[in-house]
Amino acid sequence: MLEIWALEGIPEVTTGADLVTVLADASGGLLREGDILVVTSKIVSKAEGRFVPACDREDAITAETVRPVASRTYGEHTIRIVENRLGIVAAAAGVDASNTPEGTVLLLPEDPDASARSLAAGLRARLGVALGVIISDTLGRAWREGQTDSAIGAAGVLVFEDLRGSVDAQGRALSATLPCVADELASAADLVKGKAAGRPVAIVRGRGDLVGSIDLPGARSIVREAEKDMFRQGATEAYADGYAAGLAGADPR
């Protein structure tokens, strides 16, 4: 049976906070072998002091950008979809202006996988149980409205459940089935955490089969390699580049 619930009583996290102690105290001794903690990236960023002045938000987005993907202007607002330095394609490079101190915005953790490893190792040592940690953030999806939470950091937990080589209920071979269980758990956990409820951490129980070595591949392994990415630009941007290449007599591919 799968159980997911949010941890209550987590205080406002500030720069330098010891998240291992914060999470261990909030769990009240309830964590068991094989549990998975899904931790909102915002409290990790806050503990790591990833604040920048709000007047520099656009500069912060630019600084975090390694590749523009698409942009659209609606009235006075321009939305930039970019690949950030973590390899994640996101609006505004993941720079967050909500629930931050007045006059500041928040960057994503410097290295979410390293942050997850630190939390998982610290909690395992403190509590004496093997558990996994997923660090989540809200992302949009191509071709679909709305957003869901996804894994941007992970430690001690499988991020994929590789079903390739097994068979379905009718005995047919599965050749390409590779569920990203880290994203599925991050999204499910957000159902109980909520965006404005002050509950940034959830416990997932019932998938201990996914928990393993602290050095399992992290969430960075979820990011698709450039040579496998068939959708590296927005439609308008791809058309413009192809049109320009055609005018120049170049091969638009």
C-alpha atoms as a PDB file:
ATOM      1  CA  MET A   1       0.000   0.000   0.000  1.00  0.00           C
ATOM      2  CA  LEU A   2       1.279   3.451  -0.905  1.00  0.00           C
ATOM      3  CA  GLU A   3       0.961   6.171   1.727  1.00  0.00           C
ATOM      4  CA  ILE A   4       1.868   9.836   1.279  1.00  0.00           C
ATOM      5  CA  TRP A   5       1.497  12.562   3.874  1.00  0.00           C
ATOM      6  CA  ALA A   6       2.970  15.975   4.567  1.00  0.00           C
ATOM      7  CA  LEU A   7       5.173  16.751   7.557  1.00  0.00           C
ATOM      8  CA  GLU A   8       3.652  19.351   9.843  1.00  0.00           C
ATOM      9  CA  GLY A   9       5.427  21.886  12.032  1.00  0.00           C
ATOM     10  CA  ILE A  10       8.355  22.799   9.781  1.00  0.00           C
ATOM     11  CA  PRO A  11       9.391  26.367  10.694  1.00  0.00           C
ATOM     12  CA  GLU A  12      10.335  29.094   8.229  1.00  0.00           C
ATOM     13  CA  VAL A  13      13.722  28.111   6.843  1.00  0.00           C
ATOM     14  CA  THR A  14      16.461  30.748   6.777  1.00  0.00           C
ATOM     15  CA  THR A  15      20.006  30.873   5.456  1.00  0.00           C
ATOM     16  CA  GLY A  16      22.274  28.423   7.237  1.00  0.00           C
ATOM     17  CA  ALA A  17      19.480  26.267   8.665  1.00  0.00           C
ATOM     18  CA  ASP A  18      20.429  22.645   9.405  1.00  0.00           C
ATOM     19  CA  LEU A  19      17.817  20.857   7.304  1.00  0.00           C
ATOM     20  CA  VAL A  20      18.803  17.432   8.621  1.00  0.00           C
ATOM     21  CA  THR A  21      17.873  18.556  12.131  1.00  0.00           C
ATOM     22  CA  VAL A  22      14.753  20.375  10.911  1.00  0.00           C
ATOM     23  CA  LEU A  23      13.454  17.297   9.073  1.00  0.00           C
ATOM     24  CA  ALA A  24      14.459  14.811  11.762  1.00  0.00           C
ATOM     25  CA  ASP A  25      12.696  16.878  14.428  1.00  0.00           C
ATOM     26  CA  ALA A  26       9.568  17.359  12.298  1.00  0.00           C
ATOM     27  CA  SER A  27       9.336  13.627  11.568  1.00  0.00           C
ATOM     28  CA  GLY A  28       8.907  12.928  15.287  1.00  0.00           C
ATOM     29  CA  GLY A  29      10.563   9.526  15.003  1.00  0.00           C
ATOM     30  CA  LEU A  30       8.040   8.319  12.430  1.00  0.00           C
ATOM     31  CA  LEU A  31      10.483   7.664   9.586  1.00  0.00           C
ATOM     32  CA  ARG A  32      10.996   4.002   8.733  1.00  0.00           C
ATOM     33  CA  GLU A  33      13.328   1.926   6.606  1.00  0.00           C
ATOM     34  CA  GLY A  34      12.508   2.467   2.935  1.00  0.00           C
ATOM     35  CA  ASP A  35      10.668   5.787   3.340  1.00  0.00           C
ATOM     36  CA  ILE A  36      11.249   8.497   0.725  1.00  0.00           C
ATOM     37  CA  LEU A  37      11.204  12.190   1.634  1.00  0.00           C
ATOM     38  CA  VAL A  38      10.116  14.619  -1.076  1.00  0.00           C
ATOM     39  CA  VAL A  39      11.515  18.041  -0.200  1.00  0.00           C
ATOM     40  CA  THR A  40      10.475  21.238  -1.977  1.00  0.00           C
ATOM     41  CA  SER A  41      13.542  22.863  -3.540  1.00  0.00           C
ATOM     42  CA  LYS A  42      12.601  26.233  -2.076  1.00  0.00           C
ATOM     43  CA  ILE A  43      13.548  25.310   1.493  1.00  0.00           C
ATOM     44  CA  VAL A  44      16.824  23.827   0.264  1.00  0.00           C
ATOM     45  CA  SER A  45      17.594  27.042  -1.613  1.00  0.00           C
ATOM     46  CA  LYS A  46      16.674  29.115   1.429  1.00  0.00           C
ATOM     47  CA  ALA A  47      18.956  27.077   3.680  1.00  0.00           C
ATOM     48  CA  GLU A  48      21.743  27.483   1.119  1.00  0.00           C
ATOM     49  CA  GLY A  49      21.221  31.250   0.962  1.00  0.00           C
ATOM     50  CA  ARG A  50      20.388  31.344  -2.744  1.00  0.00           C
ATOM     51  CA  PHE A  51      18.766  34.796  -2.538  1.00  0.00           C
ATOM     52  CA  VAL A  52      19.406  37.676  -4.943  1.00  0.00           C
ATOM     53  CA  PRO A  53      17.903  41.207  -4.895  1.00  0.00           C
ATOM     54  CA  ALA A  54      14.511  41.353  -6.595  1.00  0.00           C
ATOM     55  CA  CYS A  55      15.621  44.262  -8.785  1.00  0.00           C
ATOM     56  CA  ASP A  56      18.038  41.818 -10.409  1.00  0.00           C
ATOM     57  CA  ARG A  57      15.443  39.160 -11.310  1.00  0.00           C
ATOM     58  CA  GLU A  58      15.873  39.491 -15.072  1.00  0.00           C
ATOM     59  CA  ASP A  59      19.644  39.608 -14.652  1.00  0.00           C
ATOM     60  CA  ALA A  60      19.415  36.513 -12.444  1.00  0.00           C
ATOM     61  CA  ILE A  61      17.425  34.690 -15.132  1.00  0.00           C
ATOM     62  CA  THR A  62      20.012  35.657 -17.735  1.00  0.00           C
ATOM     63  CA  ALA A  63      22.868  34.536 -15.490  1.00  0.00           C
ATOM     64  CA  GLU A  64      21.230  31.145 -14.924  1.00  0.00           C
ATOM     65  CA  THR A  65      20.534  30.654 -18.653  1.00  0.00           C
ATOM     66  CA  VAL A  66      22.813  28.559 -20.832  1.00  0.00           C
ATOM     67  CA  ARG A  67      20.425  28.303 -23.814  1.00  0.00           C
ATOM     68  CA  PRO A  68      17.252  30.193 -24.740  1.00  0.00           C
ATOM     69  CA  VAL A  69      14.479  27.887 -25.902  1.00  0.00           C
ATOM     70  CA  ALA A  70      11.483  30.166 -26.497  1.00  0.00           C
ATOM     71  CA  SER A  71      10.014  33.472 -25.395  1.00  0.00           C
ATOM     72  CA  ARG A  72       6.584  35.044 -25.701  1.00  0.00           C
ATOM     73  CA  THR A  73       5.387  38.517 -24.762  1.00  0.00           C
ATOM     74  CA  TYR A  74       1.877  39.003 -23.386  1.00  0.00           C
ATOM     75  CA  GLY A  75       1.111  42.662 -22.794  1.00  0.00           C
ATOM     76  CA  GLU A  76       3.861  44.002 -20.544  1.00  0.00           C
ATOM     77  CA  HIS A  77       5.155  40.586 -19.544  1.00  0.00           C
ATOM     78  CA  THR A  78       7.670  38.391 -21.375  1.00  0.00           C
ATOM     79  CA  ILE A  79       7.929  34.716 -20.498  1.00  0.00           C
ATOM     80  CA  ARG A  80      11.314  33.159 -21.162  1.00  0.00           C
ATOM     81  CA  ILE A  81      11.658  29.393 -21.438  1.00  0.00           C
ATOM     82  CA  VAL A  82      15.334  28.518 -21.129  1.00  0.00           C
ATOM     83  CA  GLU A  83      17.746  25.727 -20.328  1.00  0.00           C
ATOM     84  CA  ASN A  84      19.452  26.608 -17.070  1.00  0.00           C
ATOM     85  CA  ARG A  85      22.896  25.617 -15.855  1.00  0.00           C
ATOM     86  CA  LEU A  86      21.433  22.439 -14.309  1.00  0.00           C
ATOM     87  CA  GLY A  87      20.219  21.296 -17.747  1.00  0.00           C
ATOM     88  CA  ILE A  88      16.587  21.868 -16.770  1.00  0.00           C
ATOM     89  CA  VAL A  89      14.293  23.570 -19.290  1.00  0.00           C
ATOM     90  CA  ALA A  90      12.016  25.872 -17.304  1.00  0.00           C
ATOM     91  CA  ALA A  91      10.283  29.213 -17.283  1.00  0.00           C
ATOM     92  CA  ALA A  92      12.538  31.975 -15.931  1.00  0.00           C
ATOM     93  CA  ALA A  93      15.374  29.433 -15.416  1.00  0.00           C
ATOM     94  CA  GLY A  94      13.687  28.375 -12.181  1.00  0.00           C
ATOM     95  CA  VAL A  95      14.195  31.793 -10.554  1.00  0.00           C
ATOM     96  CA  ASP A  96      11.375  32.103  -7.992  1.00  0.00           C
ATOM     97  CA  ALA A  97       9.745  35.265  -6.659  1.00  0.00           C
ATOM     98  CA  SER A  98       7.035  33.678  -4.482  1.00  0.00           C
ATOM     99  CA  ASN A  99       7.216  33.197  -0.711  1.00  0.00           C
ATOM    100  CA  THR A 100      10.588  34.926  -0.434  1.00  0.00           C
ATOM    101  CA  PRO A 101      11.612  37.844   1.804  1.00  0.00           C
ATOM    102  CA  GLU A 102      10.563  41.263   0.519  1.00  0.00           C
ATOM    103  CA  GLY A 103      12.967  42.559  -2.089  1.00  0.00           C
ATOM    104  CA  THR A 104      14.484  39.191  -3.012  1.00  0.00           C
ATOM    105  CA  VAL A 105      14.089  36.303  -5.427  1.00  0.00           C
ATOM    106  CA  LEU A 106      15.390  32.776  -5.028  1.00  0.00           C
ATOM    107  CA  LEU A 107      17.602  30.676  -7.284  1.00  0.00           C
ATOM    108  CA  LEU A 108      17.480  26.892  -7.450  1.00  0.00           C
ATOM    109  CA  PRO A 109      19.989  24.975  -5.304  1.00  0.00           C
ATOM    110  CA  GLU A 110      23.555  25.115  -6.594  1.00  0.00           C
ATOM    111  CA  ASP A 111      23.667  21.303  -7.021  1.00  0.00           C
ATOM    112  CA  PRO A 112      20.331  19.633  -6.164  1.00  0.00           C
ATOM    113  CA  ASP A 113      21.745  16.096  -6.326  1.00  0.00           C
ATOM    114  CA  ALA A 114      24.529  17.031  -3.895  1.00  0.00           C
ATOM    115  CA  SER A 115      21.969  18.678  -1.618  1.00  0.00           C
ATOM    116  CA  ALA A 116      19.843  15.504  -1.715  1.00  0.00           C
ATOM    117  CA  ARG A 117      22.882  13.336  -0.916  1.00  0.00           C
ATOM    118  CA  SER A 118      23.751  15.526   2.058  1.00  0.00           C
ATOM    119  CA  LEU A 119      20.196  15.280   3.400  1.00  0.00           C
ATOM    120  CA  ALA A 120      19.903  11.540   2.809  1.00  0.00           C
ATOM    121  CA  ALA A 121      23.291  10.782   4.367  1.00  0.00           C
ATOM    122  CA  GLY A 122      22.601  13.022   7.352  1.00  0.00           C
ATOM    123  CA  LEU A 123      19.163  11.564   8.017  1.00  0.00           C
ATOM    124  CA  ARG A 124      20.393   7.987   7.627  1.00  0.00           C
ATOM    125  CA  ALA A 125      23.158   8.659  10.157  1.00  0.00           C
ATOM    126  CA  ARG A 126      20.831  10.510  12.544  1.00  0.00           C
ATOM    127  CA  LEU A 127      17.889   8.101  12.432  1.00  0.00           C
ATOM    128  CA  GLY A 128      19.559   4.791  11.650  1.00  0.00           C
ATOM    129  CA  VAL A 129      17.236   3.945   8.743  1.00  0.00           C
ATOM    130  CA  ALA A 130      17.912   3.727   5.007  1.00  0.00           C
ATOM    131  CA  LEU A 131      15.716   6.263   3.258  1.00  0.00           C
ATOM    132  CA  GLY A 132      15.696   8.202   0.010  1.00  0.00           C
ATOM    133  CA  VAL A 133      15.412  11.922  -0.690  1.00  0.00           C
ATOM    134  CA  ILE A 134      13.900  13.654  -3.712  1.00  0.00           C
ATOM    135  CA  ILE A 135      14.169  17.427  -4.160  1.00  0.00           C
ATOM    136  CA  SER A 136      11.240  18.724  -6.213  1.00  0.00           C
ATOM    137  CA  ASP A 137      10.379  21.831  -8.160  1.00  0.00           C
ATOM    138  CA  THR A 138       7.394  22.933 -10.234  1.00  0.00           C
ATOM    139  CA  LEU A 139       7.795  22.653 -14.003  1.00  0.00           C
ATOM    140  CA  GLY A 140       5.555  23.092 -17.017  1.00  0.00           C
ATOM    141  CA  ARG A 141       5.192  20.435 -19.721  1.00  0.00           C
ATOM    142  CA  ALA A 142       5.411  20.772 -23.491  1.00  0.00           C
ATOM    143  CA  TRP A 143       2.028  20.393 -25.200  1.00  0.00           C
ATOM    144  CA  ARG A 144       0.067  20.429 -21.922  1.00  0.00           C
ATOM    145  CA  GLU A 145      -1.391  23.235 -19.837  1.00  0.00           C
ATOM    146  CA  GLY A 146      -0.606  23.605 -16.158  1.00  0.00           C
ATOM    147  CA  GLN A 147       2.348  22.532 -14.078  1.00  0.00           C
ATOM    148  CA  THR A 148       3.386  19.545 -11.976  1.00  0.00           C
ATOM    149  CA  ASP A 149       6.196  18.961  -9.512  1.00  0.00           C
ATOM    150  CA  SER A 150       9.215  17.087 -10.856  1.00  0.00           C
ATOM    151  CA  ALA A 151      12.441  15.763  -9.354  1.00  0.00           C
ATOM    152  CA  ILE A 152      15.449  18.064  -9.757  1.00  0.00           C
ATOM    153  CA  GLY A 153      17.584  16.305  -7.127  1.00  0.00           C
ATOM    154  CA  ALA A 154      17.674  12.757  -5.760  1.00  0.00           C
ATOM    155  CA  ALA A 155      19.789  10.532  -3.530  1.00  0.00           C
ATOM    156  CA  GLY A 156      19.410   6.999  -2.220  1.00  0.00           C
ATOM    157  CA  VAL A 157      16.481   6.316  -4.522  1.00  0.00           C
ATOM    158  CA  LEU A 158      16.064   4.973  -8.052  1.00  0.00           C
ATOM    159  CA  VAL A 159      14.889   7.733 -10.377  1.00  0.00           C
ATOM    160  CA  PHE A 160      13.825   5.261 -13.089  1.00  0.00           C
ATOM    161  CA  GLU A 161      12.006   1.943 -12.821  1.00  0.00           C
ATOM    162  CA  ASP A 162      13.416   0.079 -15.808  1.00  0.00           C
ATOM    163  CA  LEU A 163      10.781  -2.290 -17.184  1.00  0.00           C
ATOM    164  CA  ARG A 164      12.562  -2.908 -20.487  1.00  0.00           C
ATOM    165  CA  GLY A 165      13.013  -6.597 -21.085  1.00  0.00           C
ATOM    166  CA  SER A 166      10.013  -7.577 -18.959  1.00  0.00           C
ATOM    167  CA  VAL A 167       6.562  -8.452 -20.282  1.00  0.00           C
ATOM    168  CA  ASP A 168       3.103  -6.934 -19.932  1.00  0.00           C
ATOM    169  CA  ALA A 169      -0.031  -8.661 -18.591  1.00  0.00           C
ATOM    170  CA  GLN A 170      -0.553 -10.318 -21.984  1.00  0.00           C
ATOM    171  CA  GLY A 171       3.030 -11.560 -22.140  1.00  0.00           C
ATOM    172  CA  ARG A 172       4.191  -9.054 -24.743  1.00  0.00           C
ATOM    173  CA  ALA A 173       7.752  -7.780 -24.394  1.00  0.00           C
ATOM    174  CA  LEU A 174       8.291  -4.251 -23.123  1.00  0.00           C
ATOM    175  CA  SER A 175      11.096  -2.626 -25.098  1.00  0.00           C
ATOM    176  CA  ALA A 176      10.876   1.068 -24.214  1.00  0.00           C
ATOM    177  CA  THR A 177       9.030   1.302 -20.890  1.00  0.00           C
ATOM    178  CA  LEU A 178      11.122   3.402 -18.483  1.00  0.00           C
ATOM    179  CA  PRO A 179       8.858   5.171 -15.958  1.00  0.00           C
ATOM    180  CA  CYS A 180      10.505   8.164 -14.285  1.00  0.00           C
ATOM    181  CA  VAL A 181       9.335   7.209 -10.811  1.00  0.00           C
ATOM    182  CA  ALA A 182      11.176  10.159  -9.210  1.00  0.00           C
ATOM    183  CA  ASP A 183       8.971  12.582 -11.156  1.00  0.00           C
ATOM    184  CA  GLU A 184       5.866  10.524 -10.386  1.00  0.00           C
ATOM    185  CA  LEU A 185       6.623  10.582  -6.648  1.00  0.00           C
ATOM    186  CA  ALA A 186       7.420  14.308  -6.719  1.00  0.00           C
ATOM    187  CA  SER A 187       4.100  15.037  -8.402  1.00  0.00           C
ATOM    188  CA  ALA A 188       2.137  12.757  -6.070  1.00  0.00           C
ATOM    189  CA  ALA A 189       3.761  14.332  -3.018  1.00  0.00           C
ATOM    190  CA  ASP A 190       2.659  17.779  -4.136  1.00  0.00           C
ATOM    191  CA  LEU A 191      -0.968  16.678  -3.748  1.00  0.00           C
ATOM    192  CA  VAL A 192      -0.484  16.634   0.025  1.00  0.00           C
ATOM    193  CA  LYS A 193       2.109  19.412   0.371  1.00  0.00           C
ATOM    194  CA  GLY A 194       0.213  22.117  -1.494  1.00  0.00           C
ATOM    195  CA  LYS A 195       1.639  25.362  -2.863  1.00  0.00           C
ATOM    196  CA  ALA A 196       0.455  27.721  -0.148  1.00  0.00           C
ATOM    197  CA  ALA A 197      -0.101  25.436   2.832  1.00  0.00           C
ATOM    198  CA  GLY A 198       3.309  25.820   4.482  1.00  0.00           C
ATOM    199  CA  ARG A 199       4.050  22.089   4.189  1.00  0.00           C
ATOM    200  CA  PRO A 200       7.225  21.793   2.072  1.00  0.00           C
ATOM    201  CA  VAL A 201       8.051  18.141   2.819  1.00  0.00           C
ATOM    202  CA  ALA A 202       6.142  14.913   2.274  1.00  0.00           C
ATOM    203  CA  ILE A 203       6.866  11.310   3.250  1.00  0.00           C
ATOM    204  CA  VAL A 204       6.216   8.523   0.750  1.00  0.00           C
ATOM    205  CA  ARG A 205       5.850   5.050   2.262  1.00  0.00           C
ATOM    206  CA  GLY A 206       5.329   1.824   0.378  1.00  0.00           C
ATOM    207  CA  ARG A 207       8.035   2.054  -2.300  1.00  0.00           C
ATOM    208  CA  GLY A 208      10.994   0.836  -0.308  1.00  0.00           C
ATOM    209  CA  ASP A 209      11.932  -1.232  -3.364  1.00  0.00           C
ATOM    210  CA  LEU A 210      13.175   2.025  -4.907  1.00  0.00           C
ATOM    211  CA  VAL A 211      15.490   2.912  -1.998  1.00  0.00           C
ATOM    212  CA  GLY A 212      19.125   1.905  -2.307  1.00  0.00           C
ATOM    213  CA  SER A 213      22.704   3.157  -2.236  1.00  0.00           C
ATOM    214  CA  ILE A 214      23.287   6.800  -1.460  1.00  0.00           C
ATOM    215  CA  ASP A 215      25.335   6.942  -4.669  1.00  0.00           C
ATOM    216  CA  LEU A 216      22.586   5.874  -7.073  1.00  0.00           C
ATOM    217  CA  PRO A 217      22.348   8.182 -10.127  1.00  0.00           C
ATOM    218  CA  GLY A 218      20.632  11.439  -9.190  1.00  0.00           C
ATOM    219  CA  ALA A 219      18.013  13.543 -10.941  1.00  0.00           C
ATOM    220  CA  ARG A 220      20.586  14.988 -13.331  1.00  0.00           C
ATOM    221  CA  SER A 221      20.358  11.637 -15.130  1.00  0.00           C
ATOM    222  CA  ILE A 222      16.723  12.443 -15.970  1.00  0.00           C
ATOM    223  CA  VAL A 223      17.711  15.354 -18.225  1.00  0.00           C
ATOM    224  CA  ARG A 224      17.679  14.181 -21.840  1.00  0.00           C
ATOM    225  CA  GLU A 225      20.987  14.471 -23.671  1.00  0.00           C
ATOM    226  CA  ALA A 226      21.116  17.132 -26.375  1.00  0.00           C
ATOM    227  CA  GLU A 227      21.640  14.638 -29.205  1.00  0.00           C
ATOM    228  CA  LYS A 228      18.425  12.843 -28.191  1.00  0.00           C
ATOM    229  CA  ASP A 229      16.351  16.011 -27.845  1.00  0.00           C
ATOM    230  CA  MET A 230      13.937  16.368 -30.769  1.00  0.00           C
ATOM    231  CA  PHE A 231      12.346  19.570 -29.428  1.00  0.00           C
ATOM    232  CA  ARG A 232      15.184  21.947 -28.565  1.00  0.00           C
ATOM    233  CA  GLN A 233      13.384  25.132 -29.660  1.00  0.00           C
ATOM    234  CA  GLY A 234       9.971  26.715 -29.511  1.00  0.00           C
ATOM    235  CA  ALA A 235       7.935  26.397 -32.715  1.00  0.00           C
ATOM    236  CA  THR A 236       8.294  30.080 -33.638  1.00  0.00           C
ATOM    237  CA  GLU A 237      12.032  30.073 -32.993  1.00  0.00           C
ATOM    238  CA  ALA A 238      12.580  26.889 -35.010  1.00  0.00           C
ATOM    239  CA  TYR A 239      10.589  28.299 -37.925  1.00  0.00           C
ATOM    240  CA  ALA A 240      12.545  31.557 -37.855  1.00  0.00           C
ATOM    241  CA  ASP A 241      15.883  29.744 -37.859  1.00  0.00           C
ATOM    242  CA  GLY A 242      14.795  27.464 -40.697  1.00  0.00           C
ATOM    243  CA  TYR A 243      13.483  30.404 -42.717  1.00  0.00           C
ATOM    244  CA  ALA A 244      16.713  32.353 -42.212  1.00  0.00           C
ATOM    245  CA  ALA A 245      18.784  29.338 -43.194  1.00  0.00           C
ATOM    246  CA  GLY A 246      16.687  28.895 -46.333  1.00  0.00           C
ATOM    247  CA  LEU A 247      17.222  32.524 -47.337  1.00  0.00           C
ATOM    248  CA  ALA A 248      20.943  32.075 -46.838  1.00  0.00           C
ATOM    249  CA  GLY A 249      20.943  28.942 -48.981  1.00  0.00           C
ATOM    250  CA  ALA A 250      22.014  26.778 -46.054  1.00  0.00           C
ATOM    251  CA  ASP A 251      20.710  23.393 -45.022  1.00  0.00           C
ATOM    252  CA  PRO A 252      18.070  24.242 -42.333  1.00  0.00           C
ATOM    253  CA  ARG A 253      18.770  20.957 -40.557  1.00  0.00           C
END
